[in-house]
Amino acid sequence: MFNSASQEDADRINAPENLVSIPVFKHHLITGWFAKKRKEFGGLSPRNYLRGKSWEERTRIGLEALVNEGVLRP
């Protein structure tokens, strides 16, 4: 858990309905995607863009990353 996450956020992040098992290689690809600066996020990395955003926005971006990497189907 990151120090900046509230207990409520930590509980949501680690809730069974929020977890998905993915191959290690896909995990590395998604982690890299979240770290790279992107135009669609105003030049910020998705990780930095999502700081302070709502749970819904963070979920939307997380699901988008999983779909983009083929972990989930649209």
PDB file of N, CA and C in Angstrom:
ATOM      1  N   MET A   1       0.840  -1.186   0.000  1.00  0.00           N
ATOM      2  CA  MET A   1       0.000   0.000   0.000  1.00  0.00           C
ATOM      3  C   MET A   1       0.880   1.242   0.000  1.00  0.00           C
ATOM      4  N   PHE A   2       0.498   2.228  -0.790  1.00  0.00           N
ATOM      5  CA  PHE A   2       1.217   3.492  -0.811  1.00  0.00           C
ATOM      6  C   PHE A   2       0.822   4.299   0.415  1.00  0.00           C
ATOM      7  N   ASN A   3       1.761   5.069   0.938  1.00  0.00           N
ATOM      8  CA  ASN A   3       1.483   5.878   2.119  1.00  0.00           C
ATOM      9  C   ASN A   3       0.386   6.898   1.886  1.00  0.00           C
ATOM     10  N   SER A   4       0.218   7.338   0.634  1.00  0.00           N
ATOM     11  CA  SER A   4      -0.782   8.360   0.337  1.00  0.00           C
ATOM     12  C   SER A   4      -2.194   7.794   0.267  1.00  0.00           C
ATOM     13  N   ALA A   5      -2.348   6.481   0.239  1.00  0.00           N
ATOM     14  CA  ALA A   5      -3.680   5.874   0.149  1.00  0.00           C
ATOM     15  C   ALA A   5      -4.340   5.888   1.520  1.00  0.00           C
ATOM     16  N   SER A   6      -5.601   6.291   1.538  1.00  0.00           N
ATOM     17  CA  SER A   6      -6.350   6.235   2.789  1.00  0.00           C
ATOM     18  C   SER A   6      -6.673   4.775   3.086  1.00  0.00           C
ATOM     19  N   GLN A   7      -7.108   4.507   4.293  1.00  0.00           N
ATOM     20  CA  GLN A   7      -7.484   3.137   4.642  1.00  0.00           C
ATOM     21  C   GLN A   7      -8.653   2.674   3.781  1.00  0.00           C
ATOM     22  N   GLU A   8      -9.607   3.579   3.524  1.00  0.00           N
ATOM     23  CA  GLU A   8     -10.749   3.234   2.674  1.00  0.00           C
ATOM     24  C   GLU A   8     -10.261   2.850   1.274  1.00  0.00           C
ATOM     25  N   ASP A   9      -9.327   3.638   0.720  1.00  0.00           N
ATOM     26  CA  ASP A   9      -8.771   3.316  -0.598  1.00  0.00           C
ATOM     27  C   ASP A   9      -8.051   1.977  -0.563  1.00  0.00           C
ATOM     28  N   ALA A  10      -7.277   1.744   0.470  1.00  0.00           N
ATOM     29  CA  ALA A  10      -6.545   0.479   0.587  1.00  0.00           C
ATOM     30  C   ALA A  10      -7.510  -0.697   0.640  1.00  0.00           C
ATOM     31  N   ASP A  11      -8.607  -0.530   1.360  1.00  0.00           N
ATOM     32  CA  ASP A  11      -9.612  -1.592   1.444  1.00  0.00           C
ATOM     33  C   ASP A  11     -10.245  -1.852   0.074  1.00  0.00           C
ATOM     34  N   ARG A  12     -10.533  -0.790  -0.669  1.00  0.00           N
ATOM     35  CA  ARG A  12     -11.101  -0.946  -2.011  1.00  0.00           C
ATOM     36  C   ARG A  12     -10.108  -1.609  -2.955  1.00  0.00           C
ATOM     37  N   ILE A  13      -8.860  -1.173  -2.893  1.00  0.00           N
ATOM     38  CA  ILE A  13      -7.827  -1.702  -3.780  1.00  0.00           C
ATOM     39  C   ILE A  13      -7.642  -3.195  -3.559  1.00  0.00           C
ATOM     40  N   ASN A  14      -7.661  -3.622  -2.309  1.00  0.00           N
ATOM     41  CA  ASN A  14      -7.398  -5.020  -1.974  1.00  0.00           C
ATOM     42  C   ASN A  14      -8.640  -5.883  -1.863  1.00  0.00           C
ATOM     43  N   ALA A  15      -9.809  -5.323  -2.160  1.00  0.00           N
ATOM     44  CA  ALA A  15     -11.053  -6.088  -2.090  1.00  0.00           C
ATOM     45  C   ALA A  15     -11.049  -7.171  -3.172  1.00  0.00           C
ATOM     46  N   PRO A  16     -11.574  -8.353  -2.858  1.00  0.00           N
ATOM     47  CA  PRO A  16     -11.583  -9.460  -3.826  1.00  0.00           C
ATOM     48  C   PRO A  16     -12.188  -9.088  -5.183  1.00  0.00           C
ATOM     49  N   GLU A  17     -13.242  -8.269  -5.180  1.00  0.00           N
ATOM     50  CA  GLU A  17     -13.867  -7.899  -6.454  1.00  0.00           C
ATOM     51  C   GLU A  17     -13.024  -6.933  -7.281  1.00  0.00           C
ATOM     52  N   ASN A  18     -11.942  -6.417  -6.709  1.00  0.00           N
ATOM     53  CA  ASN A  18     -11.054  -5.508  -7.435  1.00  0.00           C
ATOM     54  C   ASN A  18      -9.769  -6.200  -7.886  1.00  0.00           C
ATOM     55  N   LEU A  19      -9.588  -7.449  -7.562  1.00  0.00           N
ATOM     56  CA  LEU A  19      -8.349  -8.151  -7.886  1.00  0.00           C
ATOM     57  C   LEU A  19      -8.540  -9.076  -9.074  1.00  0.00           C
ATOM     58  N   VAL A  20      -7.516  -9.152  -9.896  1.00  0.00           N
ATOM     59  CA  VAL A  20      -7.524 -10.047 -11.040  1.00  0.00           C
ATOM     60  C   VAL A  20      -6.132 -10.648 -11.168  1.00  0.00           C
ATOM     61  N   SER A  21      -6.075 -11.928 -11.419  1.00  0.00           N
ATOM     62  CA  SER A  21      -4.800 -12.608 -11.596  1.00  0.00           C
ATOM     63  C   SER A  21      -4.364 -12.450 -13.051  1.00  0.00           C
ATOM     64  N   ILE A  22      -3.155 -11.939 -13.244  1.00  0.00           N
ATOM     65  CA  ILE A  22      -2.644 -11.736 -14.596  1.00  0.00           C
ATOM     66  C   ILE A  22      -1.227 -12.291 -14.693  1.00  0.00           C
ATOM     67  N   PRO A  23      -0.805 -12.647 -15.904  1.00  0.00           N
ATOM     68  CA  PRO A  23       0.568 -13.127 -16.083  1.00  0.00           C
ATOM     69  C   PRO A  23       1.585 -12.035 -15.703  1.00  0.00           C
ATOM     70  N   VAL A  24       2.726 -12.455 -15.211  1.00  0.00           N
ATOM     71  CA  VAL A  24       3.771 -11.529 -14.777  1.00  0.00           C
ATOM     72  C   VAL A  24       4.163 -10.589 -15.911  1.00  0.00           C
ATOM     73  N   PHE A  25       4.299 -11.114 -17.124  1.00  0.00           N
ATOM     74  CA  PHE A  25       4.691 -10.278 -18.256  1.00  0.00           C
ATOM     75  C   PHE A  25       3.684  -9.155 -18.489  1.00  0.00           C
ATOM     76  N   LYS A  26       2.389  -9.480 -18.427  1.00  0.00           N
ATOM     77  CA  LYS A  26       1.351  -8.451 -18.587  1.00  0.00           C
ATOM     78  C   LYS A  26       1.426  -7.434 -17.453  1.00  0.00           C
ATOM     79  N   HIS A  27       1.692  -7.908 -16.253  1.00  0.00           N
ATOM     80  CA  HIS A  27       1.845  -7.003 -15.103  1.00  0.00           C
ATOM     81  C   HIS A  27       2.952  -5.993 -15.369  1.00  0.00           C
ATOM     82  N   HIS A  28       4.076  -6.459 -15.900  1.00  0.00           N
ATOM     83  CA  HIS A  28       5.193  -5.558 -16.194  1.00  0.00           C
ATOM     84  C   HIS A  28       4.821  -4.558 -17.288  1.00  0.00           C
ATOM     85  N   LEU A  29       4.101  -5.015 -18.300  1.00  0.00           N
ATOM     86  CA  LEU A  29       3.668  -4.104 -19.366  1.00  0.00           C
ATOM     87  C   LEU A  29       2.736  -3.025 -18.822  1.00  0.00           C
ATOM     88  N   ILE A  30       1.787  -3.426 -17.997  1.00  0.00           N
ATOM     89  CA  ILE A  30       0.830  -2.466 -17.440  1.00  0.00           C
ATOM     90  C   ILE A  30       1.522  -1.503 -16.480  1.00  0.00           C
ATOM     91  N   THR A  31       2.427  -2.013 -15.665  1.00  0.00           N
ATOM     92  CA  THR A  31       3.177  -1.157 -14.752  1.00  0.00           C
ATOM     93  C   THR A  31       3.972  -0.114 -15.541  1.00  0.00           C
ATOM     94  N   GLY A  32       4.593  -0.536 -16.639  1.00  0.00           N
ATOM     95  CA  GLY A  32       5.324   0.398 -17.494  1.00  0.00           C
ATOM     96  C   GLY A  32       4.413   1.434 -18.117  1.00  0.00           C
ATOM     97  N   TRP A  33       3.224   1.007 -18.539  1.00  0.00           N
ATOM     98  CA  TRP A  33       2.252   1.935 -19.123  1.00  0.00           C
ATOM     99  C   TRP A  33       1.859   2.997 -18.115  1.00  0.00           C
ATOM    100  N   PHE A  34       1.643   2.603 -16.862  1.00  0.00           N
ATOM    101  CA  PHE A  34       1.258   3.549 -15.819  1.00  0.00           C
ATOM    102  C   PHE A  34       2.394   4.518 -15.465  1.00  0.00           C
ATOM    103  N   ALA A  35       3.629   4.174 -15.779  1.00  0.00           N
ATOM    104  CA  ALA A  35       4.774   5.009 -15.426  1.00  0.00           C
ATOM    105  C   ALA A  35       5.171   6.001 -16.523  1.00  0.00           C
ATOM    106  N   LYS A  36       4.768   5.744 -17.761  1.00  0.00           N
ATOM    107  CA  LYS A  36       5.207   6.565 -18.897  1.00  0.00           C
ATOM    108  C   LYS A  36       4.313   7.784 -19.091  1.00  0.00           C
ATOM    109  N   LYS A  37       4.929   8.946 -19.325  1.00  0.00           N
ATOM    110  CA  LYS A  37       4.171  10.168 -19.595  1.00  0.00           C
ATOM    111  C   LYS A  37       3.386  10.006 -20.887  1.00  0.00           C
ATOM    112  N   ARG A  38       2.151  10.527 -20.885  1.00  0.00           N
ATOM    113  CA  ARG A  38       1.251  10.345 -22.025  1.00  0.00           C
ATOM    114  C   ARG A  38       0.519  11.643 -22.342  1.00  0.00           C
ATOM    115  N   LYS A  39       0.355  11.891 -23.639  1.00  0.00           N
ATOM    116  CA  LYS A  39      -0.356  13.098 -24.085  1.00  0.00           C
ATOM    117  C   LYS A  39      -1.772  13.145 -23.541  1.00  0.00           C
ATOM    118  N   GLU A  40      -2.462  11.998 -23.566  1.00  0.00           N
ATOM    119  CA  GLU A  40      -3.861  11.987 -23.150  1.00  0.00           C
ATOM    120  C   GLU A  40      -4.072  12.329 -21.682  1.00  0.00           C
ATOM    121  N   PHE A  41      -2.992  12.369 -20.924  1.00  0.00           N
ATOM    122  CA  PHE A  41      -3.076  12.746 -19.517  1.00  0.00           C
ATOM    123  C   PHE A  41      -2.332  14.054 -19.257  1.00  0.00           C
ATOM    124  N   GLY A  42      -2.307  14.897 -20.278  1.00  0.00           N
ATOM    125  CA  GLY A  42      -1.680  16.215 -20.139  1.00  0.00           C
ATOM    126  C   GLY A  42      -0.183  16.149 -19.929  1.00  0.00           C
ATOM    127  N   GLY A  43       0.461  15.140 -20.482  1.00  0.00           N
ATOM    128  CA  GLY A  43       1.902  14.990 -20.324  1.00  0.00           C
ATOM    129  C   GLY A  43       2.309  14.310 -19.033  1.00  0.00           C
ATOM    130  N   LEU A  44       1.349  13.927 -18.231  1.00  0.00           N
ATOM    131  CA  LEU A  44       1.640  13.198 -16.989  1.00  0.00           C
ATOM    132  C   LEU A  44       1.577  11.705 -17.256  1.00  0.00           C
ATOM    133  N   SER A  45       2.207  10.945 -16.390  1.00  0.00           N
ATOM    134  CA  SER A  45       2.016   9.496 -16.436  1.00  0.00           C
ATOM    135  C   SER A  45       0.619   9.211 -15.894  1.00  0.00           C
ATOM    136  N   PRO A  46       0.002   8.106 -16.305  1.00  0.00           N
ATOM    137  CA  PRO A  46      -1.302   7.771 -15.725  1.00  0.00           C
ATOM    138  C   PRO A  46      -1.248   7.709 -14.193  1.00  0.00           C
ATOM    139  N   ARG A  47      -0.166   7.206 -13.654  1.00  0.00           N
ATOM    140  CA  ARG A  47      -0.025   7.119 -12.193  1.00  0.00           C
ATOM    141  C   ARG A  47      -0.114   8.510 -11.558  1.00  0.00           C
ATOM    142  N   ASN A  48       0.591   9.481 -12.137  1.00  0.00           N
ATOM    143  CA  ASN A  48       0.550  10.841 -11.583  1.00  0.00           C
ATOM    144  C   ASN A  48      -0.783  11.517 -11.868  1.00  0.00           C
ATOM    145  N   TYR A  49      -1.330  11.294 -13.035  1.00  0.00           N
ATOM    146  CA  TYR A  49      -2.630  11.865 -13.383  1.00  0.00           C
ATOM    147  C   TYR A  49      -3.703  11.416 -12.398  1.00  0.00           C
ATOM    148  N   LEU A  50      -3.657  10.172 -11.975  1.00  0.00           N
ATOM    149  CA  LEU A  50      -4.706   9.613 -11.135  1.00  0.00           C
ATOM    150  C   LEU A  50      -4.615  10.020  -9.669  1.00  0.00           C
ATOM    151  N   ARG A  51      -3.529  10.626  -9.264  1.00  0.00           N
ATOM    152  CA  ARG A  51      -3.408  11.073  -7.870  1.00  0.00           C
ATOM    153  C   ARG A  51      -4.520  12.063  -7.562  1.00  0.00           C
ATOM    154  N   GLY A  52      -5.284  11.780  -6.535  1.00  0.00           N
ATOM    155  CA  GLY A  52      -6.363  12.661  -6.115  1.00  0.00           C
ATOM    156  C   GLY A  52      -7.640  12.523  -6.920  1.00  0.00           C
ATOM    157  N   LYS A  53      -7.658  11.652  -7.924  1.00  0.00           N
ATOM    158  CA  LYS A  53      -8.865  11.450  -8.727  1.00  0.00           C
ATOM    159  C   LYS A  53      -9.829  10.523  -7.995  1.00  0.00           C
ATOM    160  N   SER A  54     -11.064  10.525  -8.455  1.00  0.00           N
ATOM    161  CA  SER A  54     -12.107   9.705  -7.828  1.00  0.00           C
ATOM    162  C   SER A  54     -11.825   8.219  -8.051  1.00  0.00           C
ATOM    163  N   TRP A  55     -12.456   7.412  -7.205  1.00  0.00           N
ATOM    164  CA  TRP A  55     -12.348   5.958  -7.347  1.00  0.00           C
ATOM    165  C   TRP A  55     -12.847   5.534  -8.721  1.00  0.00           C
ATOM    166  N   GLU A  56     -13.917   6.162  -9.197  1.00  0.00           N
ATOM    167  CA  GLU A  56     -14.482   5.817 -10.498  1.00  0.00           C
ATOM    168  C   GLU A  56     -13.492   6.092 -11.626  1.00  0.00           C
ATOM    169  N   GLU A  57     -12.809   7.215 -11.579  1.00  0.00           N
ATOM    170  CA  GLU A  57     -11.827   7.543 -12.621  1.00  0.00           C
ATOM    171  C   GLU A  57     -10.647   6.575 -12.564  1.00  0.00           C
ATOM    172  N   ARG A  58     -10.186   6.262 -11.382  1.00  0.00           N
ATOM    173  CA  ARG A  58      -9.072   5.322 -11.249  1.00  0.00           C
ATOM    174  C   ARG A  58      -9.465   3.940 -11.751  1.00  0.00           C
ATOM    175  N   THR A  59     -10.706   3.525 -11.451  1.00  0.00           N
ATOM    176  CA  THR A  59     -11.203   2.236 -11.944  1.00  0.00           C
ATOM    177  C   THR A  59     -11.286   2.238 -13.466  1.00  0.00           C
ATOM    178  N   ARG A  60     -11.808   3.323 -14.030  1.00  0.00           N
ATOM    179  CA  ARG A  60     -11.949   3.427 -15.489  1.00  0.00           C
ATOM    180  C   ARG A  60     -10.598   3.292 -16.186  1.00  0.00           C
ATOM    181  N   ILE A  61      -9.600   3.990 -15.690  1.00  0.00           N
ATOM    182  CA  ILE A  61      -8.267   3.943 -16.300  1.00  0.00           C
ATOM    183  C   ILE A  61      -7.636   2.571 -16.092  1.00  0.00           C
ATOM    184  N   GLY A  62      -7.815   1.985 -14.929  1.00  0.00           N
ATOM    185  CA  GLY A  62      -7.273   0.653 -14.665  1.00  0.00           C
ATOM    186  C   GLY A  62      -7.876  -0.392 -15.586  1.00  0.00           C
ATOM    187  N   LEU A  63      -9.188  -0.339 -15.763  1.00  0.00           N
ATOM    188  CA  LEU A  63      -9.847  -1.274 -16.670  1.00  0.00           C
ATOM    189  C   LEU A  63      -9.397  -1.046 -18.110  1.00  0.00           C
ATOM    190  N   GLU A  64      -9.225   0.214 -18.486  1.00  0.00           N
ATOM    191  CA  GLU A  64      -8.731   0.537 -19.828  1.00  0.00           C
ATOM    192  C   GLU A  64      -7.353  -0.095 -20.057  1.00  0.00           C
ATOM    193  N   ALA A  65      -6.483  -0.008 -19.076  1.00  0.00           N
ATOM    194  CA  ALA A  65      -5.146  -0.599 -19.195  1.00  0.00           C
ATOM    195  C   ALA A  65      -5.239  -2.117 -19.343  1.00  0.00           C
ATOM    196  N   LEU A  66      -6.116  -2.758 -18.586  1.00  0.00           N
ATOM    197  CA  LEU A  66      -6.271  -4.207 -18.678  1.00  0.00           C
ATOM    198  C   LEU A  66      -6.823  -4.624 -20.041  1.00  0.00           C
ATOM    199  N   VAL A  67      -7.755  -3.845 -20.577  1.00  0.00           N
ATOM    200  CA  VAL A  67      -8.303  -4.139 -21.904  1.00  0.00           C
ATOM    201  C   VAL A  67      -7.228  -3.915 -22.966  1.00  0.00           C
ATOM    202  N   ASN A  68      -6.513  -2.807 -22.885  1.00  0.00           N
ATOM    203  CA  ASN A  68      -5.463  -2.500 -23.868  1.00  0.00           C
ATOM    204  C   ASN A  68      -4.390  -3.566 -23.938  1.00  0.00           C
ATOM    205  N   GLU A  69      -4.096  -4.210 -22.824  1.00  0.00           N
ATOM    206  CA  GLU A  69      -3.073  -5.254 -22.806  1.00  0.00           C
ATOM    207  C   GLU A  69      -3.644  -6.641 -23.036  1.00  0.00           C
ATOM    208  N   GLY A  70      -4.940  -6.715 -23.292  1.00  0.00           N
ATOM    209  CA  GLY A  70      -5.555  -8.006 -23.611  1.00  0.00           C
ATOM    210  C   GLY A  70      -5.834  -8.893 -22.418  1.00  0.00           C
ATOM    211  N   VAL A  71      -5.778  -8.330 -21.227  1.00  0.00           N
ATOM    212  CA  VAL A  71      -6.072  -9.116 -20.027  1.00  0.00           C
ATOM    213  C   VAL A  71      -7.582  -9.291 -19.890  1.00  0.00           C
ATOM    214  N   LEU A  72      -8.333  -8.241 -20.194  1.00  0.00           N
ATOM    215  CA  LEU A  72      -9.797  -8.278 -20.183  1.00  0.00           C
ATOM    216  C   LEU A  72     -10.306  -7.951 -21.580  1.00  0.00           C
ATOM    217  N   ARG A  73     -11.486  -8.447 -21.882  1.00  0.00           N
ATOM    218  CA  ARG A  73     -12.131  -8.111 -23.153  1.00  0.00           C
ATOM    219  C   ARG A  73     -13.002  -6.889 -22.964  1.00  0.00           C
ATOM    220  N   PRO A  74     -13.093  -6.061 -24.013  1.00  0.00           N
ATOM    221  CA  PRO A  74     -13.944  -4.848 -23.908  1.00  0.00           C
ATOM    222  C   PRO A  74     -15.410  -5.198 -23.707  1.00  0.00           C
TER     223      PRO A  74
END
